[in-house]
PDB file of N, CA and C in Angstrom:
ATOM      1  N   MET A   1      49.020  84.985 128.665  1.00  0.00           N
ATOM      2  CA  MET A   1      50.377  84.659 128.265  1.00  0.00           C
ATOM      3  C   MET A   1      51.036  83.732 129.282  1.00  0.00           C
ATOM      4  N   MET A   2      50.584  83.765 130.517  1.00  0.00           N
ATOM      5  CA  MET A   2      51.196  82.954 131.564  1.00  0.00           C
ATOM      6  C   MET A   2      50.937  81.461 131.352  1.00  0.00           C
ATOM      7  N   LYS A   3      49.736  81.093 130.901  1.00  0.00           N
ATOM      8  CA  LYS A   3      49.410  79.683 130.706  1.00  0.00           C
ATOM      9  C   LYS A   3      50.318  79.018 129.678  1.00  0.00           C
ATOM     10  N   PRO A   4      50.591  79.617 128.511  1.00  0.00           N
ATOM     11  CA  PRO A   4      51.496  78.971 127.561  1.00  0.00           C
ATOM     12  C   PRO A   4      52.902  78.772 128.144  1.00  0.00           C
ATOM     13  N   MET A   5      53.376  79.703 128.955  1.00  0.00           N
ATOM     14  CA  MET A   5      54.704  79.570 129.558  1.00  0.00           C
ATOM     15  C   MET A   5      54.733  78.423 130.566  1.00  0.00           C
ATOM     16  N   VAL A   6      53.672  78.270 131.339  1.00  0.00           N
ATOM     17  CA  VAL A   6      53.577  77.170 132.294  1.00  0.00           C
ATOM     18  C   VAL A   6      53.520  75.843 131.556  1.00  0.00           C
ATOM     19  N   LEU A   7      52.744  75.793 130.480  1.00  0.00           N
ATOM     20  CA  LEU A   7      52.645  74.586 129.664  1.00  0.00           C
ATOM     21  C   LEU A   7      54.003  74.238 129.055  1.00  0.00           C
ATOM     22  N   LEU A   8      54.696  75.224 128.523  1.00  0.00           N
ATOM     23  CA  LEU A   8      56.015  74.995 127.937  1.00  0.00           C
ATOM     24  C   LEU A   8      56.984  74.465 128.995  1.00  0.00           C
ATOM     25  N   ALA A   9      56.961  75.038 130.172  1.00  0.00           N
ATOM     26  CA  ALA A   9      57.832  74.579 131.258  1.00  0.00           C
ATOM     27  C   ALA A   9      57.519  73.134 131.634  1.00  0.00           C
ATOM     28  N   ALA A  10      56.240  72.781 131.675  1.00  0.00           N
ATOM     29  CA  ALA A  10      55.843  71.409 132.005  1.00  0.00           C
ATOM     30  C   ALA A  10      56.316  70.429 130.938  1.00  0.00           C
ATOM     31  N   VAL A  11      56.167  70.801 129.675  1.00  0.00           N
ATOM     32  CA  VAL A  11      56.606  69.936 128.578  1.00  0.00           C
ATOM     33  C   VAL A  11      58.115  69.749 128.633  1.00  0.00           C
ATOM     34  N   LEU A  12      58.844  70.815 128.848  1.00  0.00           N
ATOM     35  CA  LEU A  12      60.303  70.711 128.942  1.00  0.00           C
ATOM     36  C   LEU A  12      60.738  69.858 130.128  1.00  0.00           C
ATOM     37  N   ALA A  13      60.036  69.940 131.226  1.00  0.00           N
ATOM     38  CA  ALA A  13      60.357  69.111 132.396  1.00  0.00           C
ATOM     39  C   ALA A  13      60.155  67.633 132.097  1.00  0.00           C
ATOM     40  N   VAL A  14      59.077  67.307 131.400  1.00  0.00           N
ATOM     41  CA  VAL A  14      58.813  65.906 131.044  1.00  0.00           C
ATOM     42  C   VAL A  14      59.879  65.392 130.083  1.00  0.00           C
ATOM     43  N   ILE A  15      60.221  66.187 129.086  1.00  0.00           N
ATOM     44  CA  ILE A  15      61.262  65.787 128.131  1.00  0.00           C
ATOM     45  C   ILE A  15      62.589  65.608 128.847  1.00  0.00           C
ATOM     46  N   SER A  16      62.913  66.499 129.735  1.00  0.00           N
ATOM     47  CA  SER A  16      64.165  66.414 130.484  1.00  0.00           C
ATOM     48  C   SER A  16      64.204  65.171 131.363  1.00  0.00           C
ATOM     49  N   ALA A  17      63.106  64.873 132.027  1.00  0.00           N
ATOM     50  CA  ALA A  17      63.047  63.688 132.893  1.00  0.00           C
ATOM     51  C   ALA A  17      63.154  62.415 132.075  1.00  0.00           C
ATOM     52  N   ALA A  18      62.545  62.380 130.912  1.00  0.00           N
ATOM     53  CA  ALA A  18      62.610  61.189 130.067  1.00  0.00           C
ATOM     54  C   ALA A  18      64.029  60.937 129.591  1.00  0.00           C
ATOM     55  N   GLY A  19      64.768  62.001 129.325  1.00  0.00           N
ATOM     56  CA  GLY A  19      66.135  61.849 128.856  1.00  0.00           C
ATOM     57  C   GLY A  19      67.133  61.598 129.972  1.00  0.00           C
ATOM     58  N   ALA A  20      66.722  61.705 131.212  1.00  0.00           N
ATOM     59  CA  ALA A  20      67.642  61.556 132.329  1.00  0.00           C
ATOM     60  C   ALA A  20      68.209  60.156 132.412  1.00  0.00           C
ATOM     61  N   HIS A  21      67.520  59.193 131.869  1.00  0.00           N
ATOM     62  CA  HIS A  21      67.980  57.810 131.964  1.00  0.00           C
ATOM     63  C   HIS A  21      68.729  57.363 130.715  1.00  0.00           C
ATOM     64  N   ALA A  22      68.789  58.206 129.694  1.00  0.00           N
ATOM     65  CA  ALA A  22      69.478  57.838 128.460  1.00  0.00           C
ATOM     66  C   ALA A  22      70.959  58.161 128.583  1.00  0.00           C
ATOM     67  N   GLY A  23      71.736  57.623 127.702  1.00  0.00           N
ATOM     68  CA  GLY A  23      73.152  57.952 127.666  1.00  0.00           C
ATOM     69  C   GLY A  23      74.028  56.942 128.376  1.00  0.00           C
ATOM     70  N   GLU A  24      74.301  57.178 129.644  1.00  0.00           N
ATOM     71  CA  GLU A  24      75.188  56.316 130.412  1.00  0.00           C
ATOM     72  C   GLU A  24      74.631  56.014 131.792  1.00  0.00           C
ATOM     73  N   LYS A  25      75.051  54.891 132.317  1.00  0.00           N
ATOM     74  CA  LYS A  25      74.747  54.525 133.693  1.00  0.00           C
ATOM     75  C   LYS A  25      76.027  53.933 134.269  1.00  0.00           C
ATOM     76  N   TYR A  26      76.576  54.572 135.280  1.00  0.00           N
ATOM     77  CA  TYR A  26      77.814  54.125 135.938  1.00  0.00           C
ATOM     78  C   TYR A  26      78.969  54.017 134.946  1.00  0.00           C
ATOM     79  N   GLY A  27      79.010  54.896 133.956  1.00  0.00           N
ATOM     80  CA  GLY A  27      80.088  54.895 132.985  1.00  0.00           C
ATOM     81  C   GLY A  27      79.938  53.876 131.873  1.00  0.00           C
ATOM     82  N   VAL A  28      78.819  53.196 131.826  1.00  0.00           N
ATOM     83  CA  VAL A  28      78.537  52.216 130.775  1.00  0.00           C
ATOM     84  C   VAL A  28      77.411  52.782 129.912  1.00  0.00           C
ATOM     85  N   PRO A  29      77.565  52.744 128.588  1.00  0.00           N
ATOM     86  CA  PRO A  29      76.492  53.291 127.746  1.00  0.00           C
ATOM     87  C   PRO A  29      75.215  52.471 127.833  1.00  0.00           C
ATOM     88  N   VAL A  30      74.104  53.187 127.802  1.00  0.00           N
ATOM     89  CA  VAL A  30      72.805  52.527 127.724  1.00  0.00           C
ATOM     90  C   VAL A  30      72.571  52.193 126.255  1.00  0.00           C
ATOM     91  N   TYR A  31      72.095  50.999 125.994  1.00  0.00           N
ATOM     92  CA  TYR A  31      71.845  50.555 124.623  1.00  0.00           C
ATOM     93  C   TYR A  31      70.967  51.571 123.895  1.00  0.00           C
ATOM     94  N   PRO A  32      71.384  52.011 122.697  1.00  0.00           N
ATOM     95  CA  PRO A  32      70.622  53.027 121.958  1.00  0.00           C
ATOM     96  C   PRO A  32      69.169  52.622 121.719  1.00  0.00           C
ATOM     97  N   GLY A  33      68.273  53.533 122.057  1.00  0.00           N
ATOM     98  CA  GLY A  33      66.848  53.300 121.840  1.00  0.00           C
ATOM     99  C   GLY A  33      66.162  52.512 122.941  1.00  0.00           C
ATOM    100  N   ALA A  34      66.933  51.991 123.907  1.00  0.00           N
ATOM    101  CA  ALA A  34      66.315  51.244 125.010  1.00  0.00           C
ATOM    102  C   ALA A  34      65.510  52.195 125.882  1.00  0.00           C
ATOM    103  N   GLU A  35      64.373  51.717 126.357  1.00  0.00           N
ATOM    104  CA  GLU A  35      63.509  52.521 127.213  1.00  0.00           C
ATOM    105  C   GLU A  35      63.720  52.164 128.673  1.00  0.00           C
ATOM    106  N   TYR A  36      63.761  53.182 129.505  1.00  0.00           N
ATOM    107  CA  TYR A  36      63.912  52.992 130.948  1.00  0.00           C
ATOM    108  C   TYR A  36      62.715  52.221 131.483  1.00  0.00           C
ATOM    109  N   ASP A  37      62.977  51.202 132.292  1.00  0.00           N
ATOM    110  CA  ASP A  37      61.925  50.370 132.887  1.00  0.00           C
ATOM    111  C   ASP A  37      61.858  50.688 134.379  1.00  0.00           C
ATOM    112  N   GLU A  38      60.967  51.608 134.723  1.00  0.00           N
ATOM    113  CA  GLU A  38      60.860  52.078 136.100  1.00  0.00           C
ATOM    114  C   GLU A  38      60.446  50.964 137.068  1.00  0.00           C
ATOM    115  N   SER A  39      59.516  50.133 136.657  1.00  0.00           N
ATOM    116  CA  SER A  39      59.016  49.065 137.524  1.00  0.00           C
ATOM    117  C   SER A  39      60.124  48.074 137.891  1.00  0.00           C
ATOM    118  N   THR A  40      60.890  47.631 136.901  1.00  0.00           N
ATOM    119  CA  THR A  40      61.965  46.681 137.178  1.00  0.00           C
ATOM    120  C   THR A  40      63.093  47.341 137.954  1.00  0.00           C
ATOM    121  N   THR A  41      63.384  48.596 137.661  1.00  0.00           N
ATOM    122  CA  THR A  41      64.408  49.327 138.417  1.00  0.00           C
ATOM    123  C   THR A  41      64.012  49.416 139.889  1.00  0.00           C
ATOM    124  N   ARG A  42      62.755  49.721 140.134  1.00  0.00           N
ATOM    125  CA  ARG A  42      62.262  49.799 141.523  1.00  0.00           C
ATOM    126  C   ARG A  42      62.357  48.432 142.198  1.00  0.00           C
ATOM    127  N   TYR A  43      62.048  47.361 141.460  1.00  0.00           N
ATOM    128  CA  TYR A  43      62.138  46.000 141.998  1.00  0.00           C
ATOM    129  C   TYR A  43      63.585  45.666 142.368  1.00  0.00           C
ATOM    130  N   LEU A  44      64.523  46.039 141.504  1.00  0.00           N
ATOM    131  CA  LEU A  44      65.940  45.814 141.813  1.00  0.00           C
ATOM    132  C   LEU A  44      66.306  46.465 143.140  1.00  0.00           C
ATOM    133  N   ASP A  45      65.886  47.710 143.302  1.00  0.00           N
ATOM    134  CA  ASP A  45      66.239  48.489 144.483  1.00  0.00           C
ATOM    135  C   ASP A  45      65.472  48.048 145.727  1.00  0.00           C
ATOM    136  N   ASP A  46      64.155  47.970 145.631  1.00  0.00           N
ATOM    137  CA  ASP A  46      63.307  47.738 146.803  1.00  0.00           C
ATOM    138  C   ASP A  46      63.271  46.289 147.272  1.00  0.00           C
ATOM    139  N   VAL A  47      63.353  45.337 146.355  1.00  0.00           N
ATOM    140  CA  VAL A  47      63.216  43.921 146.710  1.00  0.00           C
ATOM    141  C   VAL A  47      64.571  43.216 146.749  1.00  0.00           C
ATOM    142  N   LEU A  48      65.385  43.469 145.727  1.00  0.00           N
ATOM    143  CA  LEU A  48      66.671  42.773 145.647  1.00  0.00           C
ATOM    144  C   LEU A  48      67.822  43.563 146.283  1.00  0.00           C
ATOM    145  N   TYR A  49      67.567  44.830 146.612  1.00  0.00           N
ATOM    146  CA  TYR A  49      68.578  45.716 147.208  1.00  0.00           C
ATOM    147  C   TYR A  49      69.813  45.834 146.322  1.00  0.00           C
ATOM    148  N   ILE A  50      69.581  45.972 145.036  1.00  0.00           N
ATOM    149  CA  ILE A  50      70.647  46.119 144.051  1.00  0.00           C
ATOM    150  C   ILE A  50      70.576  47.530 143.482  1.00  0.00           C
ATOM    151  N   GLU A  51      71.703  48.219 143.489  1.00  0.00           N
ATOM    152  CA  GLU A  51      71.774  49.558 142.919  1.00  0.00           C
ATOM    153  C   GLU A  51      71.922  49.431 141.403  1.00  0.00           C
ATOM    154  N   GLY A  52      70.975  49.968 140.666  1.00  0.00           N
ATOM    155  CA  GLY A  52      71.069  49.860 139.220  1.00  0.00           C
ATOM    156  C   GLY A  52      69.849  50.407 138.522  1.00  0.00           C
ATOM    157  N   ALA A  53      69.785  50.103 137.238  1.00  0.00           N
ATOM    158  CA  ALA A  53      68.660  50.542 136.416  1.00  0.00           C
ATOM    159  C   ALA A  53      68.378  49.478 135.368  1.00  0.00           C
ATOM    160  N   ALA A  54      67.120  49.422 134.951  1.00  0.00           N
ATOM    161  CA  ALA A  54      66.693  48.448 133.957  1.00  0.00           C
ATOM    162  C   ALA A  54      66.155  49.179 132.734  1.00  0.00           C
ATOM    163  N   TYR A  55      66.398  48.580 131.586  1.00  0.00           N
ATOM    164  CA  TYR A  55      65.968  49.136 130.306  1.00  0.00           C
ATOM    165  C   TYR A  55      65.401  48.006 129.456  1.00  0.00           C
ATOM    166  N   ARG A  56      64.517  48.352 128.533  1.00  0.00           N
ATOM    167  CA  ARG A  56      63.910  47.346 127.654  1.00  0.00           C
ATOM    168  C   ARG A  56      64.052  47.778 126.204  1.00  0.00           C
ATOM    169  N   THR A  57      64.215  46.785 125.332  1.00  0.00           N
ATOM    170  CA  THR A  57      64.296  47.040 123.900  1.00  0.00           C
ATOM    171  C   THR A  57      63.642  45.885 123.150  1.00  0.00           C
ATOM    172  N   PRO A  58      63.049  46.174 122.001  1.00  0.00           N
ATOM    173  CA  PRO A  58      62.499  45.085 121.189  1.00  0.00           C
ATOM    174  C   PRO A  58      63.589  44.345 120.413  1.00  0.00           C
ATOM    175  N   ASP A  59      64.824  44.856 120.442  1.00  0.00           N
ATOM    176  CA  ASP A  59      65.915  44.247 119.679  1.00  0.00           C
ATOM    177  C   ASP A  59      66.297  42.884 120.238  1.00  0.00           C
ATOM    178  N   ASP A  60      66.813  42.060 119.368  1.00  0.00           N
ATOM    179  CA  ASP A  60      67.259  40.713 119.710  1.00  0.00           C
ATOM    180  C   ASP A  60      68.412  40.772 120.711  1.00  0.00           C
ATOM    181  N   PRO A  61      68.445  39.863 121.701  1.00  0.00           N
ATOM    182  CA  PRO A  61      69.514  39.881 122.696  1.00  0.00           C
ATOM    183  C   PRO A  61      70.918  39.770 122.091  1.00  0.00           C
ATOM    184  N   SER A  62      71.062  39.053 120.988  1.00  0.00           N
ATOM    185  CA  SER A  62      72.392  38.926 120.379  1.00  0.00           C
ATOM    186  C   SER A  62      72.866  40.266 119.809  1.00  0.00           C
ATOM    187  N   THR A  63      71.938  41.082 119.321  1.00  0.00           N
ATOM    188  CA  THR A  63      72.285  42.418 118.826  1.00  0.00           C
ATOM    189  C   THR A  63      72.717  43.305 119.982  1.00  0.00           C
ATOM    190  N   VAL A  64      72.009  43.209 121.094  1.00  0.00           N
ATOM    191  CA  VAL A  64      72.358  43.989 122.281  1.00  0.00           C
ATOM    192  C   VAL A  64      73.718  43.537 122.815  1.00  0.00           C
ATOM    193  N   ALA A  65      73.942  42.235 122.872  1.00  0.00           N
ATOM    194  CA  ALA A  65      75.217  41.695 123.353  1.00  0.00           C
ATOM    195  C   ALA A  65      76.371  42.160 122.463  1.00  0.00           C
ATOM    196  N   GLU A  66      76.136  42.177 121.169  1.00  0.00           N
ATOM    197  CA  GLU A  66      77.166  42.646 120.231  1.00  0.00           C
ATOM    198  C   GLU A  66      77.526  44.094 120.512  1.00  0.00           C
ATOM    199  N   PHE A  67      76.513  44.927 120.805  1.00  0.00           N
ATOM    200  CA  PHE A  67      76.756  46.334 121.136  1.00  0.00           C
ATOM    201  C   PHE A  67      77.675  46.438 122.355  1.00  0.00           C
ATOM    202  N   TYR A  68      77.379  45.696 123.420  1.00  0.00           N
ATOM    203  CA  TYR A  68      78.190  45.786 124.641  1.00  0.00           C
ATOM    204  C   TYR A  68      79.578  45.180 124.446  1.00  0.00           C
ATOM    205  N   ALA A  69      79.699  44.170 123.619  1.00  0.00           N
ATOM    206  CA  ALA A  69      81.018  43.600 123.326  1.00  0.00           C
ATOM    207  C   ALA A  69      81.893  44.644 122.618  1.00  0.00           C
ATOM    208  N   LYS A  70      81.285  45.438 121.749  1.00  0.00           N
ATOM    209  CA  LYS A  70      82.024  46.479 121.029  1.00  0.00           C
ATOM    210  C   LYS A  70      82.413  47.649 121.928  1.00  0.00           C
ATOM    211  N   GLN A  71      81.821  47.743 123.107  1.00  0.00           N
ATOM    212  CA  GLN A  71      82.132  48.820 124.043  1.00  0.00           C
ATOM    213  C   GLN A  71      83.381  48.504 124.867  1.00  0.00           C
ATOM    214  N   GLY A  72      83.936  47.324 124.664  1.00  0.00           N
ATOM    215  CA  GLY A  72      85.147  46.948 125.394  1.00  0.00           C
ATOM    216  C   GLY A  72      84.872  46.349 126.758  1.00  0.00           C
ATOM    217  N   LEU A  73      83.628  46.006 127.042  1.00  0.00           N
ATOM    218  CA  LEU A  73      83.303  45.366 128.308  1.00  0.00           C
ATOM    219  C   LEU A  73      83.736  43.905 128.260  1.00  0.00           C
ATOM    220  N   ALA A  74      84.209  43.395 129.364  1.00  0.00           N
ATOM    221  CA  ALA A  74      84.611  41.994 129.423  1.00  0.00           C
ATOM    222  C   ALA A  74      83.374  41.114 129.463  1.00  0.00           C
ATOM    223  N   THR A  75      83.428  39.999 128.726  1.00  0.00           N
ATOM    224  CA  THR A  75      82.351  39.029 128.806  1.00  0.00           C
ATOM    225  C   THR A  75      82.563  38.256 130.089  1.00  0.00           C
ATOM    226  N   TRP A  76      81.637  38.417 131.014  1.00  0.00           N
ATOM    227  CA  TRP A  76      81.791  37.819 132.330  1.00  0.00           C
ATOM    228  C   TRP A  76      81.356  36.363 132.308  1.00  0.00           C
ATOM    229  N   THR A  77      80.306  36.098 131.580  1.00  0.00           N
ATOM    230  CA  THR A  77      79.890  34.715 131.337  1.00  0.00           C
ATOM    231  C   THR A  77      79.714  34.579 129.841  1.00  0.00           C
ATOM    232  N   GLY A  78      79.790  33.397 129.356  1.00  0.00           N
ATOM    233  CA  GLY A  78      79.606  33.188 127.930  1.00  0.00           C
ATOM    234  C   GLY A  78      78.242  33.663 127.485  1.00  0.00           C
ATOM    235  N   THR A  79      78.185  34.194 126.302  1.00  0.00           N
ATOM    236  CA  THR A  79      76.894  34.622 125.774  1.00  0.00           C
ATOM    237  C   THR A  79      76.212  33.420 125.123  1.00  0.00           C
ATOM    238  N   ILE A  80      74.960  33.295 125.409  1.00  0.00           N
ATOM    239  CA  ILE A  80      74.147  32.275 124.763  1.00  0.00           C
ATOM    240  C   ILE A  80      73.018  32.994 124.048  1.00  0.00           C
ATOM    241  N   LYS A  81      72.184  32.275 123.362  1.00  0.00           N
ATOM    242  CA  LYS A  81      71.173  32.883 122.506  1.00  0.00           C
ATOM    243  C   LYS A  81      70.368  33.999 123.182  1.00  0.00           C
ATOM    244  N   ALA A  82      69.918  33.795 124.399  1.00  0.00           N
ATOM    245  CA  ALA A  82      69.023  34.776 125.018  1.00  0.00           C
ATOM    246  C   ALA A  82      69.568  35.391 126.299  1.00  0.00           C
ATOM    247  N   HIS A  83      70.863  35.221 126.586  1.00  0.00           N
ATOM    248  CA  HIS A  83      71.386  35.725 127.855  1.00  0.00           C
ATOM    249  C   HIS A  83      72.871  36.047 127.704  1.00  0.00           C
ATOM    250  N   ALA A  84      73.296  37.143 128.283  1.00  0.00           N
ATOM    251  CA  ALA A  84      74.714  37.510 128.298  1.00  0.00           C
ATOM    252  C   ALA A  84      74.981  38.381 129.512  1.00  0.00           C
ATOM    253  N   VAL A  85      76.204  38.308 130.019  1.00  0.00           N
ATOM    254  CA  VAL A  85      76.611  39.152 131.142  1.00  0.00           C
ATOM    255  C   VAL A  85      77.965  39.762 130.801  1.00  0.00           C
ATOM    256  N   PHE A  86      78.053  41.079 130.961  1.00  0.00           N
ATOM    257  CA  PHE A  86      79.294  41.812 130.727  1.00  0.00           C
ATOM    258  C   PHE A  86      79.682  42.539 132.006  1.00  0.00           C
ATOM    259  N   LYS A  87      80.971  42.834 132.131  1.00  0.00           N
ATOM    260  CA  LYS A  87      81.447  43.488 133.347  1.00  0.00           C
ATOM    261  C   LYS A  87      82.480  44.548 132.993  1.00  0.00           C
ATOM    262  N   LYS A  88      82.401  45.664 133.723  1.00  0.00           N
ATOM    263  CA  LYS A  88      83.396  46.733 133.634  1.00  0.00           C
ATOM    264  C   LYS A  88      83.655  47.207 135.048  1.00  0.00           C
ATOM    265  N   GLU A  89      84.792  46.801 135.591  1.00  0.00           N
ATOM    266  CA  GLU A  89      85.157  47.110 136.973  1.00  0.00           C
ATOM    267  C   GLU A  89      84.049  46.626 137.911  1.00  0.00           C
ATOM    268  N   ASP A  90      83.362  47.549 138.596  1.00  0.00           N
ATOM    269  CA  ASP A  90      82.318  47.136 139.541  1.00  0.00           C
ATOM    270  C   ASP A  90      80.908  47.265 138.967  1.00  0.00           C
ATOM    271  N   VAL A  91      80.815  47.353 137.637  1.00  0.00           N
ATOM    272  CA  VAL A  91      79.523  47.490 136.968  1.00  0.00           C
ATOM    273  C   VAL A  91      79.260  46.222 136.142  1.00  0.00           C
ATOM    274  N   GLN A  92      78.043  45.747 136.245  1.00  0.00           N
ATOM    275  CA  GLN A  92      77.646  44.531 135.530  1.00  0.00           C
ATOM    276  C   GLN A  92      76.464  44.849 134.622  1.00  0.00           C
ATOM    277  N   VAL A  93      76.517  44.346 133.387  1.00  0.00           N
ATOM    278  CA  VAL A  93      75.425  44.505 132.428  1.00  0.00           C
ATOM    279  C   VAL A  93      74.875  43.112 132.144  1.00  0.00           C
ATOM    280  N   VAL A  94      73.605  42.917 132.441  1.00  0.00           N
ATOM    281  CA  VAL A  94      72.959  41.626 132.196  1.00  0.00           C
ATOM    282  C   VAL A  94      71.913  41.814 131.116  1.00  0.00           C
ATOM    283  N   ILE A  95      71.965  40.948 130.119  1.00  0.00           N
ATOM    284  CA  ILE A  95      71.017  40.983 129.006  1.00  0.00           C
ATOM    285  C   ILE A  95      70.186  39.709 129.069  1.00  0.00           C
ATOM    286  N   GLN A  96      68.871  39.881 129.151  1.00  0.00           N
ATOM    287  CA  GLN A  96      67.954  38.745 129.202  1.00  0.00           C
ATOM    288  C   GLN A  96      66.944  38.886 128.083  1.00  0.00           C
ATOM    289  N   GLY A  97      66.951  37.893 127.204  1.00  0.00           N
ATOM    290  CA  GLY A  97      66.036  37.937 126.077  1.00  0.00           C
ATOM    291  C   GLY A  97      64.821  37.062 126.290  1.00  0.00           C
ATOM    292  N   PRO A  98      63.902  37.182 125.373  1.00  0.00           N
ATOM    293  CA  PRO A  98      62.698  36.368 125.469  1.00  0.00           C
ATOM    294  C   PRO A  98      62.983  34.900 125.194  1.00  0.00           C
ATOM    295  N   PRO A  99      62.213  34.024 125.730  1.00  0.00           N
ATOM    296  CA  PRO A  99      61.139  34.324 126.680  1.00  0.00           C
ATOM    297  C   PRO A  99      61.728  34.590 128.059  1.00  0.00           C
ATOM    298  N   ARG A 100      61.185  35.548 128.727  1.00  0.00           N
ATOM    299  CA  ARG A 100      61.612  35.885 130.091  1.00  0.00           C
ATOM    300  C   ARG A 100      60.389  36.340 130.860  1.00  0.00           C
ATOM    301  N   LYS A 101      60.493  36.308 132.172  1.00  0.00           N
ATOM    302  CA  LYS A 101      59.388  36.771 133.019  1.00  0.00           C
ATOM    303  C   LYS A 101      59.762  38.102 133.644  1.00  0.00           C
ATOM    304  N   ASP A 102      58.793  39.001 133.702  1.00  0.00           N
ATOM    305  CA  ASP A 102      58.975  40.281 134.352  1.00  0.00           C
ATOM    306  C   ASP A 102      59.255  40.044 135.831  1.00  0.00           C
ATOM    307  N   MET A 103      60.282  40.704 136.364  1.00  0.00           N
ATOM    308  CA  MET A 103      60.674  40.485 137.765  1.00  0.00           C
ATOM    309  C   MET A 103      59.561  40.819 138.745  1.00  0.00           C
ATOM    310  N   ALA A 104      58.873  41.902 138.516  1.00  0.00           N
ATOM    311  CA  ALA A 104      57.868  42.360 139.471  1.00  0.00           C
ATOM    312  C   ALA A 104      56.535  41.630 139.325  1.00  0.00           C
ATOM    313  N   SER A 105      56.078  41.434 138.082  1.00  0.00           N
ATOM    314  CA  SER A 105      54.735  40.888 137.882  1.00  0.00           C
ATOM    315  C   SER A 105      54.706  39.394 137.584  1.00  0.00           C
ATOM    316  N   GLY A 106      55.820  38.846 137.107  1.00  0.00           N
ATOM    317  CA  GLY A 106      55.850  37.444 136.706  1.00  0.00           C
ATOM    318  C   GLY A 106      55.257  37.213 135.321  1.00  0.00           C
ATOM    319  N   LYS A 107      54.840  38.289 134.670  1.00  0.00           N
ATOM    320  CA  LYS A 107      54.232  38.209 133.340  1.00  0.00           C
ATOM    321  C   LYS A 107      55.284  37.796 132.303  1.00  0.00           C
ATOM    322  N   GLN A 108      54.871  36.955 131.349  1.00  0.00           N
ATOM    323  CA  GLN A 108      55.755  36.537 130.256  1.00  0.00           C
ATOM    324  C   GLN A 108      56.027  37.742 129.346  1.00  0.00           C
ATOM    325  N   MET A 109      57.305  38.009 129.068  1.00  0.00           N
ATOM    326  CA  MET A 109      57.689  39.164 128.269  1.00  0.00           C
ATOM    327  C   MET A 109      58.314  38.721 126.948  1.00  0.00           C
ATOM    328  N   LYS A 110      58.149  39.554 125.920  1.00  0.00           N
ATOM    329  CA  LYS A 110      58.678  39.222 124.599  1.00  0.00           C
ATOM    330  C   LYS A 110      59.783  40.180 124.160  1.00  0.00           C
ATOM    331  N   ASP A 111      60.237  41.044 125.047  1.00  0.00           N
ATOM    332  CA  ASP A 111      61.300  41.977 124.698  1.00  0.00           C
ATOM    333  C   ASP A 111      62.601  41.590 125.408  1.00  0.00           C
ATOM    334  N   THR A 112      63.637  42.369 125.197  1.00  0.00           N
ATOM    335  CA  THR A 112      64.932  42.120 125.817  1.00  0.00           C
ATOM    336  C   THR A 112      65.118  43.085 126.982  1.00  0.00           C
ATOM    337  N   LEU A 113      65.518  42.550 128.130  1.00  0.00           N
ATOM    338  CA  LEU A 113      65.765  43.348 129.325  1.00  0.00           C
ATOM    339  C   LEU A 113      67.263  43.547 129.481  1.00  0.00           C
ATOM    340  N   ILE A 114      67.651  44.781 129.772  1.00  0.00           N
ATOM    341  CA  ILE A 114      69.049  45.123 130.033  1.00  0.00           C
ATOM    342  C   ILE A 114      69.099  45.713 131.438  1.00  0.00           C
ATOM    343  N   THR A 115      69.869  45.115 132.321  1.00  0.00           N
ATOM    344  CA  THR A 115      70.048  45.704 133.650  1.00  0.00           C
ATOM    345  C   THR A 115      71.511  46.103 133.787  1.00  0.00           C
ATOM    346  N   ILE A 116      71.709  47.311 134.266  1.00  0.00           N
ATOM    347  CA  ILE A 116      73.044  47.829 134.529  1.00  0.00           C
ATOM    348  C   ILE A 116      73.118  48.072 136.026  1.00  0.00           C
ATOM    349  N   THR A 117      73.937  47.296 136.713  1.00  0.00           N
ATOM    350  CA  THR A 117      73.996  47.370 138.165  1.00  0.00           C
ATOM    351  C   THR A 117      75.414  47.630 138.640  1.00  0.00           C
ATOM    352  N   LYS A 118      75.497  48.146 139.849  1.00  0.00           N
ATOM    353  CA  LYS A 118      76.782  48.479 140.457  1.00  0.00           C
ATOM    354  C   LYS A 118      76.929  47.683 141.739  1.00  0.00           C
ATOM    355  N   GLU A 119      78.094  47.075 141.902  1.00  0.00           N
ATOM    356  CA  GLU A 119      78.359  46.336 143.128  1.00  0.00           C
ATOM    357  C   GLU A 119      78.474  47.320 144.279  1.00  0.00           C
ATOM    358  N   ASN A 120      77.945  46.949 145.415  1.00  0.00           N
ATOM    359  CA  ASN A 120      78.011  47.819 146.597  1.00  0.00           C
ATOM    360  C   ASN A 120      79.270  47.593 147.370  1.00  0.00           C
TER     361      ASN A 120
END
């Protein structure tokens, strides 16, 4: 009976950890369905010394930008087809659409990157 309980605890821990990055970051909502990008988040922190988190979605950058515009965030720079920047106080949301290069690997990416960062 002990093994099933240990397995259940492990499964719940994984589910809990996966959900830890969903919802909000610094009071700004994370785009629905976006997946946490651990590699890019680590690159932001370790290489660029930027406090924040990165997320990826297959959705078009204009759809993502529309979501953040509806959240009441100020458009910090004009939105263009594949790039937009929004700001809320000391939090910045950057949307980068394809084609884009992965920050850590330099690999060409076909998805949309969302970074939510906080000014230090």
